[in-house]
Amino acid sequence: MQTSVIKAVSLSKTVSTKEEQLTILEDISFDVKEGESIAIVGTSGAGKSTLMTLLAGLDVPSQGVVELLGKDLAQLDDEQRAAIRAESIGFVFQSFLLIPSLSAIDNVTLPCLLRGEKEDKARALGLLKSVGLEHRVEHSPAQLSGGEQQRVAIARAFMIQPKILFADEPTGNLDEHTAERVIELLFELNKQHGTTLVLVTHDMALADRCDRRLHISAGHLEEA
């Protein structure tokens, strides 16, 4: 039987504004099995990115429980949650978040340094090769196109061989052709490494490739 690597039970998130209590997510429950690919879809402002930050332990719910890799995140402090992310979680964001002063290969090896490990340049080179950027190893982000920067970000996310990869609109800033290539890469690497994928996306071509779709509408979950 496949293990659940993410479990959400009755998750709600409310924030206070000057005027009122605003409910962003309400009573959301589901689980994600090891190696599964899940697309979180819905209109802008529906709460998709908020849900992802809760699942990844980057934020805490107002109510409910998130279990990540068998650990109840509410029982852990900030440092312990950060340790799980450093050890087992990869992230890819719409805005790439590369370090401007570092070359492509140094951006890819950065997670090693954050974990206090020696940089594994050979693995980083292999990952850059797998995303078709072996000829761009020493280029800085400013010398790369948007699609190339996103591919560096994907290589970086797989550097630590994450058990789970969270991707927030990974094709959002890319043209159609480049977006297709990035989608192929995500699923290729997912297959190679057995990584669980959790993708927040407006891109239906990307959502259609996933095993399941979770549709968020006005803070509520509908499984599509």
C-alpha atoms as a PDB file:
ATOM      1  CA  MET A   1       0.000   0.000   0.000  1.00  0.00           C
ATOM      2  CA  GLN A   2       1.267   3.455  -0.913  1.00  0.00           C
ATOM      3  CA  THR A   3       2.143   5.693   2.030  1.00  0.00           C
ATOM      4  CA  SER A   4       0.546   9.106   2.491  1.00  0.00           C
ATOM      5  CA  VAL A   5       3.299  11.738   2.376  1.00  0.00           C
ATOM      6  CA  ILE A   6       0.900  14.659   2.882  1.00  0.00           C
ATOM      7  CA  LYS A   7      -2.281  14.563   4.928  1.00  0.00           C
ATOM      8  CA  ALA A   8      -4.576  17.564   5.394  1.00  0.00           C
ATOM      9  CA  VAL A   9      -7.394  17.252   7.936  1.00  0.00           C
ATOM     10  CA  SER A  10     -10.086  19.963   8.261  1.00  0.00           C
ATOM     11  CA  LEU A  11      -7.694  22.762   7.270  1.00  0.00           C
ATOM     12  CA  SER A  12      -8.940  26.325   7.566  1.00  0.00           C
ATOM     13  CA  LYS A  13      -7.103  29.616   7.210  1.00  0.00           C
ATOM     14  CA  THR A  14      -8.516  32.970   8.247  1.00  0.00           C
ATOM     15  CA  VAL A  15      -6.763  36.323   8.320  1.00  0.00           C
ATOM     16  CA  SER A  16      -7.819  39.497  10.100  1.00  0.00           C
ATOM     17  CA  THR A  17      -8.221  42.711   8.169  1.00  0.00           C
ATOM     18  CA  LYS A  18      -9.159  46.018   9.802  1.00  0.00           C
ATOM     19  CA  GLU A  19     -12.794  45.485   8.851  1.00  0.00           C
ATOM     20  CA  GLU A  20     -13.324  41.725   9.217  1.00  0.00           C
ATOM     21  CA  GLN A  21     -12.123  38.159   9.530  1.00  0.00           C
ATOM     22  CA  LEU A  22     -11.404  36.894   6.022  1.00  0.00           C
ATOM     23  CA  THR A  23     -11.693  33.140   5.404  1.00  0.00           C
ATOM     24  CA  ILE A  24      -9.215  32.052   2.716  1.00  0.00           C
ATOM     25  CA  LEU A  25      -9.602  28.265   3.111  1.00  0.00           C
ATOM     26  CA  GLU A  26     -12.327  26.316   4.895  1.00  0.00           C
ATOM     27  CA  ASP A  27     -12.476  22.703   6.089  1.00  0.00           C
ATOM     28  CA  ILE A  28     -10.136  21.147   3.525  1.00  0.00           C
ATOM     29  CA  SER A  29      -9.205  17.457   3.855  1.00  0.00           C
ATOM     30  CA  PHE A  30      -7.285  15.155   1.488  1.00  0.00           C
ATOM     31  CA  ASP A  31      -4.142  13.102   1.345  1.00  0.00           C
ATOM     32  CA  VAL A  32      -1.380  12.630  -1.197  1.00  0.00           C
ATOM     33  CA  LYS A  33       0.327   9.283  -1.740  1.00  0.00           C
ATOM     34  CA  GLU A  34       4.018   8.772  -2.314  1.00  0.00           C
ATOM     35  CA  GLY A  35       5.000   9.338  -5.966  1.00  0.00           C
ATOM     36  CA  GLU A  36       1.627  10.868  -6.867  1.00  0.00           C
ATOM     37  CA  SER A  37       1.259  14.055  -8.897  1.00  0.00           C
ATOM     38  CA  ILE A  38      -1.442  16.489  -7.800  1.00  0.00           C
ATOM     39  CA  ALA A  39      -2.569  19.705  -9.491  1.00  0.00           C
ATOM     40  CA  ILE A  40      -4.197  22.365  -7.320  1.00  0.00           C
ATOM     41  CA  VAL A  41      -6.324  24.451  -9.680  1.00  0.00           C
ATOM     42  CA  GLY A  42      -8.840  27.266  -9.352  1.00  0.00           C
ATOM     43  CA  THR A  43      -9.376  30.916 -10.146  1.00  0.00           C
ATOM     44  CA  SER A  44      -6.991  33.635  -9.030  1.00  0.00           C
ATOM     45  CA  GLY A  45      -7.512  34.407  -5.334  1.00  0.00           C
ATOM     46  CA  ALA A  46      -9.252  31.065  -4.632  1.00  0.00           C
ATOM     47  CA  GLY A  47      -6.612  30.104  -2.030  1.00  0.00           C
ATOM     48  CA  LYS A  48      -4.365  27.758  -4.081  1.00  0.00           C
ATOM     49  CA  SER A  49      -1.013  29.270  -3.068  1.00  0.00           C
ATOM     50  CA  THR A  50      -2.162  29.623   0.558  1.00  0.00           C
ATOM     51  CA  LEU A  51      -2.948  25.896   0.599  1.00  0.00           C
ATOM     52  CA  MET A  52       0.510  25.092  -0.771  1.00  0.00           C
ATOM     53  CA  THR A  53       2.258  27.206   1.884  1.00  0.00           C
ATOM     54  CA  LEU A  54       0.287  25.369   4.603  1.00  0.00           C
ATOM     55  CA  LEU A  55       1.135  21.932   3.182  1.00  0.00           C
ATOM     56  CA  ALA A  56       4.827  22.844   2.981  1.00  0.00           C
ATOM     57  CA  GLY A  57       4.910  24.173   6.553  1.00  0.00           C
ATOM     58  CA  LEU A  58       5.725  27.718   5.392  1.00  0.00           C
ATOM     59  CA  ASP A  59       2.602  28.963   7.189  1.00  0.00           C
ATOM     60  CA  VAL A  60       0.336  27.545   9.897  1.00  0.00           C
ATOM     61  CA  PRO A  61      -3.413  26.885   9.560  1.00  0.00           C
ATOM     62  CA  SER A  62      -5.978  28.653  11.754  1.00  0.00           C
ATOM     63  CA  GLN A  63      -7.560  25.225  12.326  1.00  0.00           C
ATOM     64  CA  GLY A  64      -6.873  21.650  11.311  1.00  0.00           C
ATOM     65  CA  VAL A  65      -3.847  19.423  10.917  1.00  0.00           C
ATOM     66  CA  VAL A  66      -1.138  19.051   8.279  1.00  0.00           C
ATOM     67  CA  GLU A  67       0.998  15.924   8.368  1.00  0.00           C
ATOM     68  CA  LEU A  68       4.083  16.127   6.191  1.00  0.00           C
ATOM     69  CA  LEU A  69       6.085  12.908   5.751  1.00  0.00           C
ATOM     70  CA  GLY A  70       4.331  11.436   8.789  1.00  0.00           C
ATOM     71  CA  LYS A  71       4.977  14.418  11.091  1.00  0.00           C
ATOM     72  CA  ASP A  72       2.262  16.680  12.479  1.00  0.00           C
ATOM     73  CA  LEU A  73       3.613  20.144  11.614  1.00  0.00           C
ATOM     74  CA  ALA A  74       1.758  21.769  14.519  1.00  0.00           C
ATOM     75  CA  GLN A  75       3.909  19.733  16.930  1.00  0.00           C
ATOM     76  CA  LEU A  76       7.151  21.120  15.452  1.00  0.00           C
ATOM     77  CA  ASP A  77       8.807  24.498  15.969  1.00  0.00           C
ATOM     78  CA  ASP A  78      10.028  26.738  13.109  1.00  0.00           C
ATOM     79  CA  GLU A  79      13.493  25.200  13.200  1.00  0.00           C
ATOM     80  CA  GLN A  80      12.189  21.626  12.977  1.00  0.00           C
ATOM     81  CA  ARG A  81       9.865  22.541  10.095  1.00  0.00           C
ATOM     82  CA  ALA A  82      12.775  24.231   8.294  1.00  0.00           C
ATOM     83  CA  ALA A  83      14.871  21.077   8.815  1.00  0.00           C
ATOM     84  CA  ILE A  84      12.207  18.906   7.107  1.00  0.00           C
ATOM     85  CA  ARG A  85      12.123  21.334   4.157  1.00  0.00           C
ATOM     86  CA  ALA A  86      15.919  21.382   3.852  1.00  0.00           C
ATOM     87  CA  GLU A  87      16.078  17.588   4.026  1.00  0.00           C
ATOM     88  CA  SER A  88      13.134  16.428   1.944  1.00  0.00           C
ATOM     89  CA  ILE A  89      11.307  19.233   0.100  1.00  0.00           C
ATOM     90  CA  GLY A  90      12.019  20.955  -3.216  1.00  0.00           C
ATOM     91  CA  PHE A  91      10.408  24.198  -4.394  1.00  0.00           C
ATOM     92  CA  VAL A  92       9.919  25.762  -7.821  1.00  0.00           C
ATOM     93  CA  PHE A  93       8.305  29.203  -8.009  1.00  0.00           C
ATOM     94  CA  GLN A  94       6.906  31.287 -10.852  1.00  0.00           C
ATOM     95  CA  SER A  95       9.535  33.962 -10.187  1.00  0.00           C
ATOM     96  CA  PHE A  96      12.465  31.433 -10.266  1.00  0.00           C
ATOM     97  CA  LEU A  97      14.151  32.985  -7.151  1.00  0.00           C
ATOM     98  CA  LEU A  98      17.702  32.401  -8.384  1.00  0.00           C
ATOM     99  CA  ILE A  99      20.570  34.250  -6.670  1.00  0.00           C
ATOM    100  CA  PRO A 100      21.663  36.930  -9.220  1.00  0.00           C
ATOM    101  CA  SER A 101      25.326  36.905  -8.191  1.00  0.00           C
ATOM    102  CA  LEU A 102      25.733  33.106  -8.571  1.00  0.00           C
ATOM    103  CA  SER A 103      26.348  31.118 -11.742  1.00  0.00           C
ATOM    104  CA  ALA A 104      23.831  28.488 -12.856  1.00  0.00           C
ATOM    105  CA  ILE A 105      25.833  25.647 -11.302  1.00  0.00           C
ATOM    106  CA  ASP A 106      26.318  27.536  -8.016  1.00  0.00           C
ATOM    107  CA  ASN A 107      22.571  28.205  -7.843  1.00  0.00           C
ATOM    108  CA  VAL A 108      21.969  24.464  -8.293  1.00  0.00           C
ATOM    109  CA  THR A 109      24.448  23.486  -5.542  1.00  0.00           C
ATOM    110  CA  LEU A 110      23.051  26.072  -3.095  1.00  0.00           C
ATOM    111  CA  PRO A 111      20.776  23.550  -1.283  1.00  0.00           C
ATOM    112  CA  CYS A 112      23.930  21.568  -0.334  1.00  0.00           C
ATOM    113  CA  LEU A 113      25.357  24.631   1.439  1.00  0.00           C
ATOM    114  CA  LEU A 114      22.033  25.324   3.150  1.00  0.00           C
ATOM    115  CA  ARG A 115      22.176  21.798   4.570  1.00  0.00           C
ATOM    116  CA  GLY A 116      25.797  22.294   5.662  1.00  0.00           C
ATOM    117  CA  GLU A 117      27.073  19.763   3.117  1.00  0.00           C
ATOM    118  CA  LYS A 118      29.864  19.847   0.573  1.00  0.00           C
ATOM    119  CA  GLU A 119      28.790  21.073  -2.862  1.00  0.00           C
ATOM    120  CA  ASP A 120      28.222  18.129  -5.208  1.00  0.00           C
ATOM    121  CA  LYS A 121      29.300  19.774  -8.489  1.00  0.00           C
ATOM    122  CA  ALA A 122      29.166  16.467 -10.404  1.00  0.00           C
ATOM    123  CA  ARG A 123      25.486  15.932  -9.479  1.00  0.00           C
ATOM    124  CA  ALA A 124      24.684  19.582 -10.255  1.00  0.00           C
ATOM    125  CA  LEU A 125      26.300  19.239 -13.667  1.00  0.00           C
ATOM    126  CA  GLY A 126      24.308  16.052 -14.331  1.00  0.00           C
ATOM    127  CA  LEU A 127      21.067  17.841 -13.422  1.00  0.00           C
ATOM    128  CA  LEU A 128      21.899  20.849 -15.624  1.00  0.00           C
ATOM    129  CA  LYS A 129      22.633  18.397 -18.431  1.00  0.00           C
ATOM    130  CA  SER A 130      19.271  16.675 -17.850  1.00  0.00           C
ATOM    131  CA  VAL A 131      17.521  20.047 -18.286  1.00  0.00           C
ATOM    132  CA  GLY A 132      19.558  20.825 -21.420  1.00  0.00           C
ATOM    133  CA  LEU A 133      21.785  23.524 -19.909  1.00  0.00           C
ATOM    134  CA  GLU A 134      25.232  21.931 -19.815  1.00  0.00           C
ATOM    135  CA  HIS A 135      26.459  24.764 -22.082  1.00  0.00           C
ATOM    136  CA  ARG A 136      25.185  27.428 -19.630  1.00  0.00           C
ATOM    137  CA  VAL A 137      26.856  26.193 -16.433  1.00  0.00           C
ATOM    138  CA  GLU A 138      28.866  29.361 -15.694  1.00  0.00           C
ATOM    139  CA  HIS A 139      26.236  31.858 -16.873  1.00  0.00           C
ATOM    140  CA  SER A 140      24.567  34.133 -14.327  1.00  0.00           C
ATOM    141  CA  PRO A 141      20.733  34.396 -14.210  1.00  0.00           C
ATOM    142  CA  ALA A 142      20.914  37.753 -16.041  1.00  0.00           C
ATOM    143  CA  GLN A 143      22.545  35.955 -18.999  1.00  0.00           C
ATOM    144  CA  LEU A 144      19.748  33.353 -19.198  1.00  0.00           C
ATOM    145  CA  SER A 145      16.277  33.554 -20.723  1.00  0.00           C
ATOM    146  CA  GLY A 146      13.191  33.085 -18.509  1.00  0.00           C
ATOM    147  CA  GLY A 147      12.831  29.476 -19.643  1.00  0.00           C
ATOM    148  CA  GLU A 148      16.499  28.756 -18.929  1.00  0.00           C
ATOM    149  CA  GLN A 149      16.210  30.326 -15.472  1.00  0.00           C
ATOM    150  CA  GLN A 150      13.200  28.137 -14.700  1.00  0.00           C
ATOM    151  CA  ARG A 151      15.138  25.051 -15.812  1.00  0.00           C
ATOM    152  CA  VAL A 152      17.994  26.029 -13.458  1.00  0.00           C
ATOM    153  CA  ALA A 153      15.384  26.382 -10.679  1.00  0.00           C
ATOM    154  CA  ILE A 154      14.079  22.873 -11.452  1.00  0.00           C
ATOM    155  CA  ALA A 155      17.608  21.429 -11.399  1.00  0.00           C
ATOM    156  CA  ARG A 156      18.173  23.169  -8.048  1.00  0.00           C
ATOM    157  CA  ALA A 157      14.896  21.737  -6.664  1.00  0.00           C
ATOM    158  CA  PHE A 158      16.037  18.194  -7.531  1.00  0.00           C
ATOM    159  CA  MET A 159      19.547  18.714  -6.120  1.00  0.00           C
ATOM    160  CA  ILE A 160      18.644  17.248  -2.731  1.00  0.00           C
ATOM    161  CA  GLN A 161      16.573  14.422  -4.276  1.00  0.00           C
ATOM    162  CA  PRO A 162      13.421  15.719  -2.578  1.00  0.00           C
ATOM    163  CA  LYS A 163      10.680  13.356  -1.512  1.00  0.00           C
ATOM    164  CA  ILE A 164       8.135  16.083  -2.387  1.00  0.00           C
ATOM    165  CA  LEU A 165       8.364  18.898  -4.926  1.00  0.00           C
ATOM    166  CA  PHE A 166       6.046  21.886  -4.521  1.00  0.00           C
ATOM    167  CA  ALA A 167       5.728  24.050  -7.630  1.00  0.00           C
ATOM    168  CA  ASP A 168       3.745  27.308  -7.615  1.00  0.00           C
ATOM    169  CA  GLU A 169       2.760  28.329 -11.173  1.00  0.00           C
ATOM    170  CA  PRO A 170       6.021  26.882 -12.597  1.00  0.00           C
ATOM    171  CA  THR A 171       5.012  27.710 -16.187  1.00  0.00           C
ATOM    172  CA  GLY A 172       3.340  31.051 -15.402  1.00  0.00           C
ATOM    173  CA  ASN A 173       6.096  33.280 -16.824  1.00  0.00           C
ATOM    174  CA  LEU A 174       6.955  31.119 -19.819  1.00  0.00           C
ATOM    175  CA  ASP A 175       5.874  31.042 -23.457  1.00  0.00           C
ATOM    176  CA  GLU A 176       3.900  28.002 -24.627  1.00  0.00           C
ATOM    177  CA  HIS A 177       6.827  26.107 -26.157  1.00  0.00           C
ATOM    178  CA  THR A 178       9.089  26.665 -23.126  1.00  0.00           C
ATOM    179  CA  ALA A 179       6.216  25.798 -20.768  1.00  0.00           C
ATOM    180  CA  GLU A 180       5.786  22.449 -22.544  1.00  0.00           C
ATOM    181  CA  ARG A 181       9.475  21.688 -22.113  1.00  0.00           C
ATOM    182  CA  VAL A 182       9.341  22.557 -18.402  1.00  0.00           C
ATOM    183  CA  ILE A 183       6.254  20.322 -17.944  1.00  0.00           C
ATOM    184  CA  GLU A 184       8.078  17.423 -19.642  1.00  0.00           C
ATOM    185  CA  LEU A 185      11.060  17.958 -17.348  1.00  0.00           C
ATOM    186  CA  LEU A 186       8.991  17.980 -14.172  1.00  0.00           C
ATOM    187  CA  PHE A 187       7.333  14.674 -15.037  1.00  0.00           C
ATOM    188  CA  GLU A 188      10.542  13.106 -16.319  1.00  0.00           C
ATOM    189  CA  LEU A 189      12.362  13.942 -13.091  1.00  0.00           C
ATOM    190  CA  ASN A 190       9.282  12.905 -11.077  1.00  0.00           C
ATOM    191  CA  LYS A 191       9.435   9.486 -12.745  1.00  0.00           C
ATOM    192  CA  GLN A 192      13.224   9.118 -12.383  1.00  0.00           C
ATOM    193  CA  HIS A 193      13.303  10.040  -8.694  1.00  0.00           C
ATOM    194  CA  GLY A 194       9.856   8.838  -7.559  1.00  0.00           C
ATOM    195  CA  THR A 195       9.222  12.373  -6.293  1.00  0.00           C
ATOM    196  CA  THR A 196       5.715  13.372  -5.215  1.00  0.00           C
ATOM    197  CA  LEU A 197       4.601  16.460  -7.174  1.00  0.00           C
ATOM    198  CA  VAL A 198       2.226  19.106  -5.822  1.00  0.00           C
ATOM    199  CA  LEU A 199       1.609  21.769  -8.461  1.00  0.00           C
ATOM    200  CA  VAL A 200      -0.383  24.990  -8.164  1.00  0.00           C
ATOM    201  CA  THR A 201      -1.300  25.974 -11.704  1.00  0.00           C
ATOM    202  CA  HIS A 202      -3.591  27.835 -14.091  1.00  0.00           C
ATOM    203  CA  ASP A 203      -2.066  25.783 -16.906  1.00  0.00           C
ATOM    204  CA  MET A 204      -4.563  23.077 -17.896  1.00  0.00           C
ATOM    205  CA  ALA A 205      -1.951  21.252 -20.023  1.00  0.00           C
ATOM    206  CA  LEU A 206       0.068  20.848 -16.825  1.00  0.00           C
ATOM    207  CA  ALA A 207      -2.972  19.944 -14.685  1.00  0.00           C
ATOM    208  CA  ASP A 208      -4.038  17.284 -17.214  1.00  0.00           C
ATOM    209  CA  ARG A 209      -0.704  15.501 -16.843  1.00  0.00           C
ATOM    210  CA  CYS A 210      -1.235  15.002 -13.103  1.00  0.00           C
ATOM    211  CA  ASP A 211      -2.757  11.919 -11.478  1.00  0.00           C
ATOM    212  CA  ARG A 212      -5.379  14.035  -9.690  1.00  0.00           C
ATOM    213  CA  ARG A 213      -6.795  17.533  -9.734  1.00  0.00           C
ATOM    214  CA  LEU A 214      -7.895  19.366  -6.592  1.00  0.00           C
ATOM    215  CA  HIS A 215     -10.123  22.302  -7.465  1.00  0.00           C
ATOM    216  CA  ILE A 216     -10.230  25.168  -4.978  1.00  0.00           C
ATOM    217  CA  SER A 217     -13.277  27.391  -5.289  1.00  0.00           C
ATOM    218  CA  ALA A 218     -13.866  30.258  -2.844  1.00  0.00           C
ATOM    219  CA  GLY A 219     -11.759  28.477  -0.226  1.00  0.00           C
ATOM    220  CA  HIS A 220     -13.500  25.100  -0.566  1.00  0.00           C
ATOM    221  CA  LEU A 221     -12.124  21.916  -2.093  1.00  0.00           C
ATOM    222  CA  GLU A 222     -13.721  19.979  -4.927  1.00  0.00           C
ATOM    223  CA  GLU A 223     -11.854  16.967  -6.282  1.00  0.00           C
ATOM    224  CA  ALA A 224     -11.988  17.217 -10.090  1.00  0.00           C
END
